[in-house]
Amino acid sequence: MPVRVSLSYRWMHADLAIPRKVIAEAGGPAAEALGVLGEGEWVVLGWGDEDYYRERGMTAARLLDFARSMLEPNSPSVVELDPEPQAPTPESSGKAVLALELSEEGARALVERLNASFALRDGHPVAAGRGRDPGSQFFLGHARSDLAQNCNHWVADLLHAAGVPSDGLLNTASPGLALSLTWLADAQEVPGDADAHIGGAETPPSHSGRFEPISGAPELTDADLVFEGYAVGLGRAVLRTVPLDLVEAGRSGLSEALDVRPDSLVGIRRIERIEGAPGDVAVCEGQAPRHLAIGFAPNDGGPYEIALAAYSDDPRAAGARPCAAARYRQP
């Protein structure tokens, strides 16, 4: 029975969507990774430079990092898995979409190639932070990334493993990959209007480089804020955290505490341990906090802002009050 897959693309980046059950039935690291994703019958697969792909915003610093990601050879990579309720359309993804059909054998071969993309630790995929959409997740990648092996080449490699032909030169840019698949593999355009896409709330980043303090408690604003996976850097202190929940700011009562929109998402994390200089973040009556609430403001495509609040107890508890709060901006 044929297996439908979908390529969604714009400018320089392409993703590939595949039915979730195909990954689950094939087994391996990708099937294991499904266990930490949200619900959804489809999974959108993406890959890219470990830093640039996970960053957000379009600041001058990020434009420079884009050039670095292309020109610096053999950079570390990440794989993103994003669950969706249905196959992508231009309206749901905000991108142009092509549909292809694979054989069942080809779909299994595609997942085998996907499995080889994960870096493994003790035989298991390594989470590298939430993706942009609720339920999505980044994982450390095995392959290295640069202009000669970018996200579009990776998607083409998955499809090539499934027996789908494409042109290596055209595949460097995503419109070229789409053109190649249309010519050589009879990929069909999915009708729709990408401009009609209305984006949902983004999750607070798990990696967006460095944020500069702009206001808040002195204990939290004497140094930049740095995210690396689920580690949070505050000056000399590194907080090793575990993600607990994503909650809507207004419904959870955190909108006012963090000064974020009621419809934005707030990440709740438990602090497992603090390394480096725990005394630098002794903000809860002289003690280190046990939980963090992380709010997020995209700022209409400009520099992103982060609101961070430290708690002695779970922020979701009734009557919870932050010990200290601060706001940061992407430079």
Protein backbone atom coordinates (compact mmCIF):
# COMPACT_ATOMS: atom_id res chain seq x y z
CA MET A 1 0.00 0.00 0.00
CA PRO A 2 1.54 3.41 -0.93
CA VAL A 3 2.72 5.69 1.86
CA ARG A 4 2.19 9.41 1.39
CA VAL A 5 4.86 11.86 2.54
CA SER A 6 4.92 15.66 2.23
CA LEU A 7 7.71 18.13 1.56
CA SER A 8 7.13 21.64 2.95
CA TYR A 9 9.59 24.35 2.00
CA ARG A 10 10.43 28.04 1.65
CA TRP A 11 13.58 29.97 0.83
CA MET A 12 16.47 27.90 2.25
CA HIS A 13 14.81 25.26 4.42
CA ALA A 14 12.75 22.14 3.71
CA ASP A 15 11.03 19.66 6.05
CA LEU A 16 9.58 16.23 5.37
CA ALA A 17 6.37 14.95 6.97
CA ILE A 18 5.63 11.26 7.39
CA PRO A 19 2.84 9.32 9.12
CA ARG A 20 3.75 8.67 12.74
CA LYS A 21 2.79 5.01 12.57
CA VAL A 22 5.43 4.40 9.88
CA ILE A 23 8.15 5.55 12.30
CA ALA A 24 6.66 3.61 15.21
CA GLU A 25 6.41 0.37 13.23
CA ALA A 26 9.99 0.63 11.92
CA GLY A 27 11.51 0.92 15.41
CA GLY A 28 14.92 2.34 16.28
CA PRO A 29 15.98 5.73 17.71
CA ALA A 30 13.28 7.68 15.86
CA ALA A 31 10.54 5.43 17.27
CA GLU A 32 12.01 5.88 20.75
CA ALA A 33 12.05 9.65 20.23
CA LEU A 34 8.30 9.59 19.58
CA GLY A 35 7.83 8.89 23.28
CA VAL A 36 8.71 12.46 24.28
CA LEU A 37 6.66 14.17 21.57
CA GLY A 38 3.15 15.51 21.81
CA GLU A 39 0.18 13.94 20.06
CA GLY A 40 -0.26 13.96 16.30
CA GLU A 41 -0.80 11.42 13.52
CA TRP A 42 1.98 12.98 11.42
CA VAL A 43 5.56 13.93 12.27
CA VAL A 44 7.45 16.70 10.50
CA LEU A 45 11.15 15.89 10.22
CA GLY A 46 13.79 18.63 10.10
CA TRP A 47 17.57 18.82 10.39
CA GLY A 48 20.19 21.54 10.54
CA ASP A 49 23.10 23.26 12.26
CA GLU A 50 23.04 22.67 16.02
CA ASP A 51 23.14 26.39 16.85
CA TYR A 52 21.55 28.25 13.95
CA TYR A 53 18.65 25.84 13.46
CA ARG A 54 17.61 26.11 17.10
CA GLU A 55 17.97 29.89 17.33
CA ARG A 56 15.11 32.29 16.69
CA GLY A 57 14.60 35.87 15.61
CA MET A 58 16.32 37.69 12.76
CA THR A 59 18.92 39.85 14.45
CA ALA A 60 22.26 40.89 12.98
CA ALA A 61 23.94 38.28 15.20
CA ARG A 62 21.74 35.54 13.78
CA LEU A 63 22.42 36.60 10.20
CA LEU A 64 26.11 36.28 10.94
CA ASP A 65 25.47 32.87 12.46
CA PHE A 66 23.65 31.81 9.30
CA ALA A 67 26.78 32.64 7.30
CA ARG A 68 28.86 30.70 9.82
CA SER A 69 26.56 27.68 9.58
CA MET A 70 27.03 27.60 5.80
CA LEU A 71 30.76 28.34 5.58
CA GLU A 72 32.19 26.60 8.65
CA PRO A 73 32.74 22.95 7.69
CA ASN A 74 31.52 19.99 9.72
CA SER A 75 29.39 21.79 12.32
CA PRO A 76 27.37 19.73 14.82
CA SER A 77 23.75 19.10 13.87
CA VAL A 78 20.32 18.52 15.39
CA VAL A 79 17.23 16.60 14.27
CA GLU A 80 13.78 18.06 14.95
CA LEU A 81 10.60 15.98 15.25
CA ASP A 82 7.36 17.98 15.26
CA PRO A 83 4.03 16.13 15.68
CA GLU A 84 1.07 17.45 13.68
CA PRO A 85 -2.58 16.35 13.57
CA GLN A 86 -2.62 16.01 9.77
CA ALA A 87 -0.45 16.14 6.68
CA PRO A 88 0.91 19.66 6.09
CA THR A 89 -0.96 22.08 3.84
CA PRO A 90 0.18 25.57 2.80
CA GLU A 91 -2.32 27.04 5.27
CA SER A 92 -1.24 24.87 8.22
CA SER A 93 2.50 25.23 7.61
CA GLY A 94 2.87 28.65 6.03
CA LYS A 95 5.00 27.02 3.32
CA ALA A 96 4.63 25.54 -0.15
CA VAL A 97 3.90 21.80 0.04
CA LEU A 98 4.54 18.88 -2.31
CA ALA A 99 3.09 15.39 -1.88
CA LEU A 100 4.88 12.17 -2.89
CA GLU A 101 4.02 8.50 -2.66
CA LEU A 102 6.47 5.86 -1.42
CA SER A 103 6.27 2.12 -1.37
CA GLU A 104 6.02 0.47 2.03
CA GLU A 105 9.56 -0.84 1.55
CA GLY A 106 10.74 2.66 0.60
CA ALA A 107 9.10 4.19 3.68
CA ARG A 108 10.91 1.68 5.93
CA ALA A 109 14.20 2.51 4.22
CA LEU A 110 13.54 6.20 4.78
CA VAL A 111 13.08 5.61 8.51
CA GLU A 112 16.30 3.55 8.61
CA ARG A 113 18.11 6.54 7.12
CA LEU A 114 16.38 8.81 9.67
CA ASN A 115 17.54 6.53 12.48
CA ALA A 116 21.14 6.96 11.32
CA SER A 117 20.76 10.75 11.74
CA PHE A 118 20.56 10.60 15.55
CA ALA A 119 23.57 10.87 17.80
CA LEU A 120 23.17 8.19 20.47
CA ARG A 121 24.21 8.10 24.10
CA ASP A 122 24.13 4.63 25.66
CA GLY A 123 22.11 3.58 22.62
CA HIS A 124 19.41 6.26 23.05
CA PRO A 125 18.65 9.55 21.24
CA VAL A 126 19.72 12.67 23.15
CA ALA A 127 17.15 15.44 23.67
CA ALA A 128 18.50 18.92 22.92
CA GLY A 129 15.50 21.07 23.83
CA ARG A 130 11.95 21.85 22.78
CA GLY A 131 11.23 22.86 19.23
CA ARG A 132 9.19 25.91 18.28
CA ASP A 133 5.81 24.18 18.34
CA PRO A 134 4.22 22.59 21.41
CA GLY A 135 5.09 18.91 21.51
CA SER A 136 8.10 19.21 19.18
CA GLN A 137 11.62 18.28 20.22
CA PHE A 138 15.22 18.69 19.07
CA PHE A 139 17.71 15.80 19.31
CA LEU A 140 21.46 15.81 18.84
CA GLY A 141 22.41 14.74 15.32
CA HIS A 142 25.08 12.33 14.14
CA ALA A 143 26.00 13.93 10.79
CA ARG A 144 27.88 17.20 10.37
CA SER A 145 26.34 20.28 8.77
CA ASP A 146 27.64 22.87 6.29
CA LEU A 147 26.87 24.21 2.81
CA ALA A 148 27.80 20.86 1.24
CA GLN A 149 25.41 18.99 3.57
CA ASN A 150 22.53 21.23 4.59
CA CYS A 151 18.90 20.65 5.53
CA ASN A 152 17.79 20.20 1.92
CA HIS A 153 20.49 17.64 1.20
CA TRP A 154 19.40 15.77 4.33
CA VAL A 155 15.78 15.62 3.16
CA ALA A 156 16.96 14.52 -0.29
CA ASP A 157 19.05 11.76 1.36
CA LEU A 158 15.99 10.47 3.22
CA LEU A 159 14.00 10.38 0.01
CA HIS A 160 16.89 8.85 -1.94
CA ALA A 161 17.00 6.01 0.62
CA ALA A 162 13.32 5.45 -0.22
CA GLY A 163 14.11 5.27 -3.94
CA VAL A 164 13.06 8.82 -4.85
CA PRO A 165 15.42 10.47 -7.38
CA SER A 166 16.53 14.10 -7.21
CA ASP A 167 19.30 16.31 -8.58
CA GLY A 168 22.22 16.88 -6.20
CA LEU A 169 23.06 20.36 -7.50
CA LEU A 170 19.49 21.65 -7.38
CA ASN A 171 19.04 20.25 -3.86
CA THR A 172 21.27 22.93 -2.28
CA ALA A 173 18.29 25.30 -1.98
CA SER A 174 14.79 24.14 -1.07
CA PRO A 175 13.04 25.57 -4.18
CA GLY A 176 15.61 23.66 -6.24
CA LEU A 177 14.89 20.47 -4.30
CA ALA A 178 11.17 20.96 -4.91
CA LEU A 179 11.75 21.55 -8.63
CA SER A 180 13.96 18.47 -8.82
CA LEU A 181 11.31 16.28 -7.14
CA THR A 182 8.62 17.64 -9.45
CA TRP A 183 10.67 16.84 -12.54
CA LEU A 184 12.20 13.53 -11.55
CA ALA A 185 9.79 12.01 -9.01
CA ASP A 186 6.36 13.29 -10.08
CA ALA A 187 5.85 15.18 -6.80
CA GLN A 188 2.48 16.94 -6.80
CA GLU A 189 1.85 20.45 -5.48
CA VAL A 190 -0.67 20.62 -2.64
CA PRO A 191 -3.08 23.48 -3.41
CA GLY A 192 -3.51 26.24 -0.86
CA ASP A 193 -2.40 29.70 0.24
CA ALA A 194 0.70 29.82 2.45
CA ASP A 195 0.03 33.51 3.14
CA ALA A 196 -3.18 32.51 4.91
CA HIS A 197 -1.17 30.75 7.63
CA ILE A 198 -1.78 32.02 11.16
CA GLY A 199 1.03 30.90 13.43
CA GLY A 200 0.28 29.58 16.89
CA ALA A 201 2.10 30.40 20.08
CA GLU A 202 5.77 29.40 20.08
CA THR A 203 7.37 27.57 22.97
CA PRO A 204 10.05 29.35 25.03
CA PRO A 205 13.42 28.50 23.47
CA SER A 206 15.73 25.82 24.77
CA HIS A 207 18.53 27.30 22.74
CA SER A 208 18.67 30.84 21.43
CA GLY A 209 22.20 31.82 22.18
CA ARG A 210 22.62 34.64 24.68
CA PHE A 211 20.06 37.07 26.06
CA GLU A 212 21.02 40.41 27.64
CA PRO A 213 19.27 41.57 30.85
CA ILE A 214 17.06 44.61 30.53
CA SER A 215 15.17 44.73 33.86
CA GLY A 216 14.37 42.85 37.04
CA ALA A 217 15.98 41.49 40.19
CA PRO A 218 19.69 42.39 40.52
CA GLU A 219 20.56 38.81 41.46
CA LEU A 220 19.31 37.68 38.04
CA THR A 221 20.45 40.59 35.90
CA ASP A 222 24.15 40.95 36.68
CA ALA A 223 24.96 38.58 33.80
CA ASP A 224 23.53 37.39 30.50
CA LEU A 225 21.06 34.51 30.29
CA VAL A 226 22.19 31.53 28.20
CA PHE A 227 20.13 28.50 27.12
CA GLU A 228 21.80 25.28 26.03
CA GLY A 229 19.37 22.42 25.81
CA TYR A 230 17.80 22.33 29.27
CA ALA A 231 20.77 23.95 31.00
CA VAL A 232 20.25 27.61 31.95
CA GLY A 233 23.34 29.75 32.43
CA LEU A 234 23.17 32.75 34.77
CA GLY A 235 26.62 34.26 35.19
CA ARG A 236 28.86 31.74 36.92
CA ALA A 237 25.92 29.47 37.78
CA VAL A 238 24.52 26.76 35.52
CA LEU A 239 21.05 25.47 36.40
CA ARG A 240 20.42 21.91 35.20
CA THR A 241 16.67 21.72 34.66
CA VAL A 242 13.99 19.18 33.74
CA PRO A 243 10.99 20.34 31.65
CA LEU A 244 7.71 19.70 33.44
CA ASP A 245 5.00 21.44 31.46
CA LEU A 246 3.96 24.02 28.89
CA VAL A 247 1.05 26.11 30.14
CA GLU A 248 -0.92 29.03 28.76
CA ALA A 249 0.12 32.15 30.65
CA GLY A 250 -3.38 33.52 31.23
CA ARG A 251 -4.96 30.26 32.37
CA SER A 252 -2.09 29.45 34.73
CA GLY A 253 -2.01 32.88 36.38
CA LEU A 254 1.55 33.50 35.16
CA SER A 255 0.80 36.25 32.66
CA GLU A 256 1.06 39.03 35.25
CA ALA A 257 4.05 37.55 37.10
CA LEU A 258 6.05 37.30 33.87
CA ASP A 259 4.51 40.27 32.02
CA VAL A 260 3.71 38.20 28.92
CA ARG A 261 0.58 37.95 26.80
CA PRO A 262 -2.18 35.76 28.27
CA ASP A 263 -2.20 33.55 25.14
CA SER A 264 1.57 32.93 25.22
CA LEU A 265 3.10 29.67 26.41
CA VAL A 266 5.16 29.41 29.59
CA GLY A 267 7.70 26.66 30.19
CA ILE A 268 7.79 25.19 33.70
CA ARG A 269 11.04 23.52 34.74
CA ARG A 270 12.29 21.83 37.88
CA ILE A 271 15.89 22.60 38.84
CA GLU A 272 17.74 19.32 39.43
CA ARG A 273 21.04 20.87 40.50
CA ILE A 274 23.09 24.04 40.26
CA GLU A 275 26.70 23.95 39.15
CA GLY A 276 29.44 26.57 39.30
CA ALA A 277 28.35 29.21 41.80
CA PRO A 278 25.00 28.34 43.45
CA GLY A 279 25.26 31.37 45.72
CA ASP A 280 24.89 33.64 42.70
CA VAL A 281 21.24 32.57 42.38
CA ALA A 282 20.28 32.40 46.06
CA VAL A 283 17.12 34.41 45.49
CA CYS A 284 14.51 32.50 47.51
CA GLU A 285 15.13 33.85 51.03
CA GLY A 286 18.82 33.12 50.70
CA GLN A 287 18.27 29.73 49.08
CA ALA A 288 18.57 28.61 45.48
CA PRO A 289 15.23 28.28 43.64
CA ARG A 290 13.69 24.91 42.90
CA HIS A 291 11.63 25.83 39.85
CA LEU A 292 11.69 28.24 36.92
CA ALA A 293 8.91 29.74 34.84
CA ILE A 294 10.09 30.91 31.42
CA GLY A 295 7.90 33.26 29.40
CA PHE A 296 8.48 34.34 25.86
CA ALA A 297 7.67 37.32 23.61
CA PRO A 298 8.52 37.10 19.87
CA ASN A 299 8.19 40.89 19.38
CA ASP A 300 6.69 40.63 15.88
CA GLY A 301 9.77 39.18 14.22
CA GLY A 302 12.28 41.48 15.94
CA PRO A 303 14.59 40.59 18.82
CA TYR A 304 12.92 38.08 21.12
CA GLU A 305 12.43 38.69 24.83
CA ILE A 306 12.55 36.18 27.68
CA ALA A 307 10.89 36.59 31.08
CA LEU A 308 12.39 34.41 33.80
CA ALA A 309 10.88 33.89 37.26
CA ALA A 310 12.45 31.80 40.04
CA TYR A 311 10.24 29.93 42.52
CA SER A 312 10.78 27.97 45.71
CA ASP A 313 7.82 25.74 44.82
CA ASP A 314 5.96 24.69 41.68
CA PRO A 315 4.71 27.82 39.85
CA ARG A 316 1.53 25.96 38.89
CA ALA A 317 0.46 25.67 42.54
CA ALA A 318 -2.33 27.93 43.74
CA GLY A 319 -0.97 31.15 45.25
CA ALA A 320 2.61 30.55 44.07
CA ARG A 321 4.69 33.73 44.06
CA PRO A 322 8.08 34.22 42.39
CA CYS A 323 11.13 34.82 44.54
CA ALA A 324 12.64 36.98 41.81
CA ALA A 325 11.96 37.82 38.18
CA ALA A 326 13.90 39.39 35.33
CA ARG A 327 13.54 40.20 31.66
CA TYR A 328 16.11 39.68 28.89
CA ARG A 329 16.38 40.61 25.22
CA GLN A 330 18.05 38.87 22.32
CA PRO A 331 21.01 41.06 21.27
